[in-house]
């Protein structure tokens, strides 16, 4: 398991967890299974496989992704 801050590509082009997870699996061969988001009050929260009804479904700046990958290089 690895964590990495998601790039601006995830924020501006993919925009939501489902698209990001699909991209990671199909294009990068890694599994994105959760994100850590920073709320307005600065508190961090973990969202595991958030769906469309979750307030954390949209990917924002400074979001960290949690990945299952063969190496840290694959996850970065």
PDB file of N, CA and C in Angstrom:
ATOM      1  N   UNK A   1       0.854  -1.170   0.000  1.00  0.00           N
ATOM      2  CA  UNK A   1       0.000   0.000   0.000  1.00  0.00           C
ATOM      3  C   UNK A   1       0.901   1.234   0.000  1.00  0.00           C
ATOM      4  N   UNK A   2       0.536   2.200  -0.813  1.00  0.00           N
ATOM      5  CA  UNK A   2       1.307   3.430  -0.961  1.00  0.00           C
ATOM      6  C   UNK A   2       0.365   4.629  -0.959  1.00  0.00           C
ATOM      7  N   UNK A   3       0.891   5.771  -0.550  1.00  0.00           N
ATOM      8  CA  UNK A   3       0.115   7.011  -0.629  1.00  0.00           C
ATOM      9  C   UNK A   3       0.909   8.037  -1.424  1.00  0.00           C
ATOM     10  N   UNK A   4       0.198   8.814  -2.209  1.00  0.00           N
ATOM     11  CA  UNK A   4       0.792   9.894  -2.994  1.00  0.00           C
ATOM     12  C   UNK A   4      -0.233  11.013  -3.119  1.00  0.00           C
ATOM     13  N   UNK A   5       0.235  12.241  -3.147  1.00  0.00           N
ATOM     14  CA  UNK A   5      -0.653  13.360  -3.437  1.00  0.00           C
ATOM     15  C   UNK A   5      -1.022  13.296  -4.910  1.00  0.00           C
ATOM     16  N   UNK A   6      -2.308  13.397  -5.205  1.00  0.00           N
ATOM     17  CA  UNK A   6      -2.768  13.310  -6.586  1.00  0.00           C
ATOM     18  C   UNK A   6      -2.378  14.571  -7.350  1.00  0.00           C
ATOM     19  N   UNK A   7      -1.966  14.389  -8.585  1.00  0.00           N
ATOM     20  CA  UNK A   7      -1.530  15.514  -9.414  1.00  0.00           C
ATOM     21  C   UNK A   7      -2.725  16.348  -9.869  1.00  0.00           C
ATOM     22  N   UNK A   8      -2.427  17.487 -10.450  1.00  0.00           N
ATOM     23  CA  UNK A   8      -3.479  18.362 -10.970  1.00  0.00           C
ATOM     24  C   UNK A   8      -4.296  17.689 -12.061  1.00  0.00           C
ATOM     25  N   UNK A   9      -3.734  16.703 -12.745  1.00  0.00           N
ATOM     26  CA  UNK A   9      -4.493  15.962 -13.758  1.00  0.00           C
ATOM     27  C   UNK A   9      -5.744  15.341 -13.136  1.00  0.00           C
ATOM     28  N   UNK A  10      -5.613  14.808 -11.938  1.00  0.00           N
ATOM     29  CA  UNK A  10      -6.752  14.200 -11.254  1.00  0.00           C
ATOM     30  C   UNK A  10      -7.787  15.253 -10.866  1.00  0.00           C
ATOM     31  N   UNK A  11      -7.325  16.434 -10.514  1.00  0.00           N
ATOM     32  CA  UNK A  11      -8.218  17.512 -10.078  1.00  0.00           C
ATOM     33  C   UNK A  11      -8.953  18.131 -11.263  1.00  0.00           C
ATOM     34  N   UNK A  12      -8.220  18.434 -12.323  1.00  0.00           N
ATOM     35  CA  UNK A  12      -8.792  19.196 -13.441  1.00  0.00           C
ATOM     36  C   UNK A  12      -9.387  18.332 -14.547  1.00  0.00           C
ATOM     37  N   UNK A  13      -8.801  17.164 -14.802  1.00  0.00           N
ATOM     38  CA  UNK A  13      -9.254  16.353 -15.933  1.00  0.00           C
ATOM     39  C   UNK A  13     -10.151  15.183 -15.525  1.00  0.00           C
ATOM     40  N   UNK A  14      -9.810  14.503 -14.448  1.00  0.00           N
ATOM     41  CA  UNK A  14     -10.618  13.345 -14.041  1.00  0.00           C
ATOM     42  C   UNK A  14     -11.742  13.765 -13.101  1.00  0.00           C
ATOM     43  N   UNK A  15     -11.444  14.601 -12.148  1.00  0.00           N
ATOM     44  CA  UNK A  15     -12.399  15.299 -11.284  1.00  0.00           C
ATOM     45  C   UNK A  15     -13.132  14.468 -10.241  1.00  0.00           C
ATOM     46  N   UNK A  16     -13.373  13.180 -10.452  1.00  0.00           N
ATOM     47  CA  UNK A  16     -14.095  12.420  -9.430  1.00  0.00           C
ATOM     48  C   UNK A  16     -13.413  11.085  -9.172  1.00  0.00           C
ATOM     49  N   UNK A  17     -13.782  10.469  -8.056  1.00  0.00           N
ATOM     50  CA  UNK A  17     -13.110   9.258  -7.619  1.00  0.00           C
ATOM     51  C   UNK A  17     -13.275   8.120  -8.618  1.00  0.00           C
ATOM     52  N   UNK A  18     -14.457   7.922  -9.162  1.00  0.00           N
ATOM     53  CA  UNK A  18     -14.684   6.813 -10.102  1.00  0.00           C
ATOM     54  C   UNK A  18     -13.791   6.924 -11.327  1.00  0.00           C
ATOM     55  N   UNK A  19     -13.716   8.114 -11.915  1.00  0.00           N
ATOM     56  CA  UNK A  19     -12.861   8.313 -13.087  1.00  0.00           C
ATOM     57  C   UNK A  19     -11.390   8.120 -12.732  1.00  0.00           C
ATOM     58  N   UNK A  20     -10.991   8.604 -11.572  1.00  0.00           N
ATOM     59  CA  UNK A  20      -9.601   8.460 -11.138  1.00  0.00           C
ATOM     60  C   UNK A  20      -9.253   6.991 -10.899  1.00  0.00           C
ATOM     61  N   UNK A  21     -10.138   6.260 -10.235  1.00  0.00           N
ATOM     62  CA  UNK A  21      -9.888   4.842  -9.968  1.00  0.00           C
ATOM     63  C   UNK A  21      -9.817   4.051 -11.269  1.00  0.00           C
ATOM     64  N   UNK A  22     -10.705   4.349 -12.195  1.00  0.00           N
ATOM     65  CA  UNK A  22     -10.702   3.672 -13.500  1.00  0.00           C
ATOM     66  C   UNK A  22      -9.402   3.964 -14.252  1.00  0.00           C
ATOM     67  N   UNK A  23      -8.990   5.229 -14.278  1.00  0.00           N
ATOM     68  CA  UNK A  23      -7.749   5.614 -14.943  1.00  0.00           C
ATOM     69  C   UNK A  23      -6.553   4.875 -14.339  1.00  0.00           C
ATOM     70  N   UNK A  24      -6.477   4.849 -13.018  1.00  0.00           N
ATOM     71  CA  UNK A  24      -5.352   4.187 -12.348  1.00  0.00           C
ATOM     72  C   UNK A  24      -5.297   2.702 -12.681  1.00  0.00           C
ATOM     73  N   UNK A  25      -6.439   2.051 -12.701  1.00  0.00           N
ATOM     74  CA  UNK A  25      -6.469   0.618 -12.974  1.00  0.00           C
ATOM     75  C   UNK A  25      -6.154   0.316 -14.435  1.00  0.00           C
ATOM     76  N   UNK A  26      -6.811   1.002 -15.357  1.00  0.00           N
ATOM     77  CA  UNK A  26      -6.671   0.700 -16.786  1.00  0.00           C
ATOM     78  C   UNK A  26      -5.337   1.193 -17.347  1.00  0.00           C
ATOM     79  N   UNK A  27      -4.969   2.422 -17.032  1.00  0.00           N
ATOM     80  CA  UNK A  27      -3.773   3.022 -17.638  1.00  0.00           C
ATOM     81  C   UNK A  27      -2.486   2.767 -16.855  1.00  0.00           C
ATOM     82  N   UNK A  28      -2.581   2.677 -15.538  1.00  0.00           N
ATOM     83  CA  UNK A  28      -1.380   2.565 -14.710  1.00  0.00           C
ATOM     84  C   UNK A  28      -1.219   1.202 -14.050  1.00  0.00           C
ATOM     85  N   UNK A  29      -2.251   0.369 -14.125  1.00  0.00           N
ATOM     86  CA  UNK A  29      -2.236  -0.972 -13.534  1.00  0.00           C
ATOM     87  C   UNK A  29      -1.999  -0.935 -12.018  1.00  0.00           C
ATOM     88  N   UNK A  30      -2.593   0.064 -11.359  1.00  0.00           N
ATOM     89  CA  UNK A  30      -2.571   0.155  -9.902  1.00  0.00           C
ATOM     90  C   UNK A  30      -3.998   0.395  -9.421  1.00  0.00           C
ATOM     91  N   UNK A  31      -4.257   0.068  -8.170  1.00  0.00           N
ATOM     92  CA  UNK A  31      -5.606   0.190  -7.624  1.00  0.00           C
ATOM     93  C   UNK A  31      -5.684   1.371  -6.663  1.00  0.00           C
ATOM     94  N   UNK A  32      -6.470   2.367  -7.025  1.00  0.00           N
ATOM     95  CA  UNK A  32      -6.782   3.486  -6.130  1.00  0.00           C
ATOM     96  C   UNK A  32      -8.019   3.076  -5.342  1.00  0.00           C
ATOM     97  N   UNK A  33      -7.885   2.955  -4.013  1.00  0.00           N
ATOM     98  CA  UNK A  33      -9.024   2.473  -3.231  1.00  0.00           C
ATOM     99  C   UNK A  33      -9.542   3.473  -2.202  1.00  0.00           C
ATOM    100  N   UNK A  34      -8.804   4.551  -1.984  1.00  0.00           N
ATOM    101  CA  UNK A  34      -9.251   5.549  -1.003  1.00  0.00           C
ATOM    102  C   UNK A  34      -8.548   6.871  -1.273  1.00  0.00           C
ATOM    103  N   UNK A  35      -9.138   7.932  -0.727  1.00  0.00           N
ATOM    104  CA  UNK A  35      -8.508   9.249  -0.786  1.00  0.00           C
ATOM    105  C   UNK A  35      -8.577   9.896   0.593  1.00  0.00           C
ATOM    106  N   UNK A  36      -7.576  10.703   0.878  1.00  0.00           N
ATOM    107  CA  UNK A  36      -7.569  11.501   2.097  1.00  0.00           C
ATOM    108  C   UNK A  36      -7.794  12.943   1.677  1.00  0.00           C
ATOM    109  N   UNK A  37      -8.819  13.546   2.213  1.00  0.00           N
ATOM    110  CA  UNK A  37      -9.168  14.912   1.827  1.00  0.00           C
ATOM    111  C   UNK A  37      -8.947  15.861   3.000  1.00  0.00           C
ATOM    112  N   UNK A  38      -8.667  17.101   2.667  1.00  0.00           N
ATOM    113  CA  UNK A  38      -8.492  18.145   3.671  1.00  0.00           C
ATOM    114  C   UNK A  38      -9.751  19.006   3.669  1.00  0.00           C
ATOM    115  N   UNK A  39     -10.440  19.036   4.795  1.00  0.00           N
ATOM    116  CA  UNK A  39     -11.650  19.841   4.901  1.00  0.00           C
ATOM    117  C   UNK A  39     -11.289  21.305   5.108  1.00  0.00           C
ATOM    118  N   UNK A  40     -12.271  22.177   4.971  1.00  0.00           N
ATOM    119  CA  UNK A  40     -12.041  23.619   5.105  1.00  0.00           C
ATOM    120  C   UNK A  40     -11.447  24.002   6.452  1.00  0.00           C
ATOM    121  N   UNK A  41     -11.775  23.255   7.495  1.00  0.00           N
ATOM    122  CA  UNK A  41     -11.257  23.558   8.830  1.00  0.00           C
ATOM    123  C   UNK A  41      -9.861  22.973   9.059  1.00  0.00           C
ATOM    124  N   UNK A  42      -9.285  22.342   8.015  1.00  0.00           N
ATOM    125  CA  UNK A  42      -7.946  21.780   8.113  1.00  0.00           C
ATOM    126  C   UNK A  42      -7.909  20.326   8.543  1.00  0.00           C
ATOM    127  N   UNK A  43      -9.035  19.792   8.973  1.00  0.00           N
ATOM    128  CA  UNK A  43      -9.093  18.396   9.392  1.00  0.00           C
ATOM    129  C   UNK A  43      -8.988  17.488   8.171  1.00  0.00           C
ATOM    130  N   UNK A  44      -8.239  16.392   8.320  1.00  0.00           N
ATOM    131  CA  UNK A  44      -8.099  15.431   7.238  1.00  0.00           C
ATOM    132  C   UNK A  44      -9.030  14.253   7.491  1.00  0.00           C
ATOM    133  N   UNK A  45      -9.594  13.736   6.407  1.00  0.00           N
ATOM    134  CA  UNK A  45     -10.567  12.651   6.509  1.00  0.00           C
ATOM    135  C   UNK A  45     -10.278  11.624   5.423  1.00  0.00           C
ATOM    136  N   UNK A  46     -10.405  10.346   5.773  1.00  0.00           N
ATOM    137  CA  UNK A  46     -10.185   9.252   4.831  1.00  0.00           C
ATOM    138  C   UNK A  46     -11.526   8.794   4.269  1.00  0.00           C
ATOM    139  N   UNK A  47     -11.614   8.736   2.947  1.00  0.00           N
ATOM    140  CA  UNK A  47     -12.827   8.259   2.271  1.00  0.00           C
ATOM    141  C   UNK A  47     -12.450   7.016   1.474  1.00  0.00           C
ATOM    142  N   UNK A  48     -12.974   5.872   1.879  1.00  0.00           N
ATOM    143  CA  UNK A  48     -12.685   4.612   1.205  1.00  0.00           C
ATOM    144  C   UNK A  48     -13.737   4.374   0.136  1.00  0.00           C
ATOM    145  N   UNK A  49     -13.263   4.286  -1.113  1.00  0.00           N
ATOM    146  CA  UNK A  49     -14.130   4.046  -2.270  1.00  0.00           C
ATOM    147  C   UNK A  49     -15.400   4.909  -2.225  1.00  0.00           C
ATOM    148  N   UNK A  50     -15.253   6.228  -2.145  1.00  0.00           N
ATOM    149  CA  UNK A  50     -16.447   7.082  -2.051  1.00  0.00           C
ATOM    150  C   UNK A  50     -17.305   6.999  -3.315  1.00  0.00           C
ATOM    151  N   UNK A  51     -18.615   6.966  -3.137  1.00  0.00           N
ATOM    152  CA  UNK A  51     -19.520   6.912  -4.294  1.00  0.00           C
ATOM    153  C   UNK A  51     -20.076   8.301  -4.583  1.00  0.00           C
ATOM    154  N   UNK A  52     -20.928   8.373  -5.582  1.00  0.00           N
ATOM    155  CA  UNK A  52     -21.456   9.666  -6.048  1.00  0.00           C
ATOM    156  C   UNK A  52     -22.216  10.432  -4.969  1.00  0.00           C
ATOM    157  N   UNK A  53     -22.717   9.748  -3.957  1.00  0.00           N
ATOM    158  CA  UNK A  53     -23.476  10.417  -2.902  1.00  0.00           C
ATOM    159  C   UNK A  53     -22.577  11.011  -1.817  1.00  0.00           C
ATOM    160  N   UNK A  54     -21.289  10.677  -1.842  1.00  0.00           N
ATOM    161  CA  UNK A  54     -20.356  11.157  -0.823  1.00  0.00           C
ATOM    162  C   UNK A  54     -19.920  12.591  -1.110  1.00  0.00           C
ATOM    163  N   UNK A  55     -19.786  13.374  -0.060  1.00  0.00           N
ATOM    164  CA  UNK A  55     -19.288  14.738  -0.230  1.00  0.00           C
ATOM    165  C   UNK A  55     -17.817  14.742  -0.651  1.00  0.00           C
ATOM    166  N   UNK A  56     -17.148  13.606  -0.540  1.00  0.00           N
ATOM    167  CA  UNK A  56     -15.733  13.500  -0.896  1.00  0.00           C
ATOM    168  C   UNK A  56     -15.519  12.871  -2.270  1.00  0.00           C
ATOM    169  N   UNK A  57     -16.576  12.714  -3.055  1.00  0.00           N
ATOM    170  CA  UNK A  57     -16.496  12.075  -4.371  1.00  0.00           C
ATOM    171  C   UNK A  57     -15.648  12.889  -5.342  1.00  0.00           C
ATOM    172  N   UNK A  58     -15.788  14.207  -5.329  1.00  0.00           N
ATOM    173  CA  UNK A  58     -15.015  15.084  -6.213  1.00  0.00           C
ATOM    174  C   UNK A  58     -13.593  15.216  -5.674  1.00  0.00           C
ATOM    175  N   UNK A  59     -12.630  15.199  -6.559  1.00  0.00           N
ATOM    176  CA  UNK A  59     -11.233  15.297  -6.155  1.00  0.00           C
ATOM    177  C   UNK A  59     -10.820  16.767  -6.130  1.00  0.00           C
ATOM    178  N   UNK A  60     -10.243  17.175  -5.013  1.00  0.00           N
ATOM    179  CA  UNK A  60      -9.804  18.560  -4.830  1.00  0.00           C
ATOM    180  C   UNK A  60      -8.278  18.611  -4.742  1.00  0.00           C
ATOM    181  N   UNK A  61      -7.728  19.807  -4.780  1.00  0.00           N
ATOM    182  CA  UNK A  61      -6.286  19.977  -4.616  1.00  0.00           C
ATOM    183  C   UNK A  61      -5.853  19.423  -3.264  1.00  0.00           C
ATOM    184  N   UNK A  62      -4.632  18.957  -3.218  1.00  0.00           N
ATOM    185  CA  UNK A  62      -4.004  18.402  -2.007  1.00  0.00           C
ATOM    186  C   UNK A  62      -4.643  17.101  -1.543  1.00  0.00           C
ATOM    187  N   UNK A  63      -5.370  16.423  -2.410  1.00  0.00           N
ATOM    188  CA  UNK A  63      -5.950  15.128  -2.065  1.00  0.00           C
ATOM    189  C   UNK A  63      -4.873  14.058  -2.188  1.00  0.00           C
ATOM    190  N   UNK A  64      -4.786  13.208  -1.181  1.00  0.00           N
ATOM    191  CA  UNK A  64      -3.836  12.091  -1.225  1.00  0.00           C
ATOM    192  C   UNK A  64      -4.587  10.836  -1.636  1.00  0.00           C
ATOM    193  N   UNK A  65      -3.955  10.051  -2.492  1.00  0.00           N
ATOM    194  CA  UNK A  65      -4.530   8.788  -2.915  1.00  0.00           C
ATOM    195  C   UNK A  65      -3.877   7.631  -2.185  1.00  0.00           C
ATOM    196  N   UNK A  66      -4.653   6.597  -1.921  1.00  0.00           N
ATOM    197  CA  UNK A  66      -4.156   5.363  -1.317  1.00  0.00           C
ATOM    198  C   UNK A  66      -4.231   4.280  -2.382  1.00  0.00           C
ATOM    199  N   UNK A  67      -3.086   3.666  -2.668  1.00  0.00           N
ATOM    200  CA  UNK A  67      -2.961   2.745  -3.792  1.00  0.00           C
ATOM    201  C   UNK A  67      -2.450   1.384  -3.352  1.00  0.00           C
ATOM    202  N   UNK A  68      -2.870   0.365  -4.085  1.00  0.00           N
ATOM    203  CA  UNK A  68      -2.226  -0.938  -4.032  1.00  0.00           C
ATOM    204  C   UNK A  68      -1.432  -1.040  -5.320  1.00  0.00           C
ATOM    205  N   UNK A  69      -0.123  -1.205  -5.180  1.00  0.00           N
ATOM    206  CA  UNK A  69       0.761  -1.254  -6.338  1.00  0.00           C
ATOM    207  C   UNK A  69       1.947  -2.150  -6.003  1.00  0.00           C
ATOM    208  N   UNK A  70       2.644  -2.564  -7.045  1.00  0.00           N
ATOM    209  CA  UNK A  70       3.797  -3.439  -6.852  1.00  0.00           C
ATOM    210  C   UNK A  70       4.994  -2.736  -6.245  1.00  0.00           C
ATOM    211  N   UNK A  71       5.084  -1.406  -6.424  1.00  0.00           N
ATOM    212  CA  UNK A  71       6.212  -0.649  -5.893  1.00  0.00           C
ATOM    213  C   UNK A  71       5.811   0.812  -5.719  1.00  0.00           C
ATOM    214  N   UNK A  72       6.629   1.536  -4.977  1.00  0.00           N
ATOM    215  CA  UNK A  72       6.349   2.963  -4.787  1.00  0.00           C
ATOM    216  C   UNK A  72       6.507   3.729  -6.095  1.00  0.00           C
ATOM    217  N   UNK A  73       7.371   3.252  -6.981  1.00  0.00           N
ATOM    218  CA  UNK A  73       7.534   3.905  -8.284  1.00  0.00           C
ATOM    219  C   UNK A  73       6.253   3.812  -9.103  1.00  0.00           C
ATOM    220  N   UNK A  74       5.569   2.686  -9.040  1.00  0.00           N
ATOM    221  CA  UNK A  74       4.311   2.529  -9.770  1.00  0.00           C
ATOM    222  C   UNK A  74       3.242   3.471  -9.233  1.00  0.00           C
ATOM    223  N   UNK A  75       3.277   3.746  -7.944  1.00  0.00           N
ATOM    224  CA  UNK A  75       2.247   4.583  -7.317  1.00  0.00           C
ATOM    225  C   UNK A  75       2.531   6.073  -7.446  1.00  0.00           C
ATOM    226  N   UNK A  76       3.730   6.440  -7.835  1.00  0.00           N
ATOM    227  CA  UNK A  76       4.054   7.877  -7.913  1.00  0.00           C
ATOM    228  C   UNK A  76       3.982   8.420  -9.322  1.00  0.00           C
TER     229      UNK A  76
END
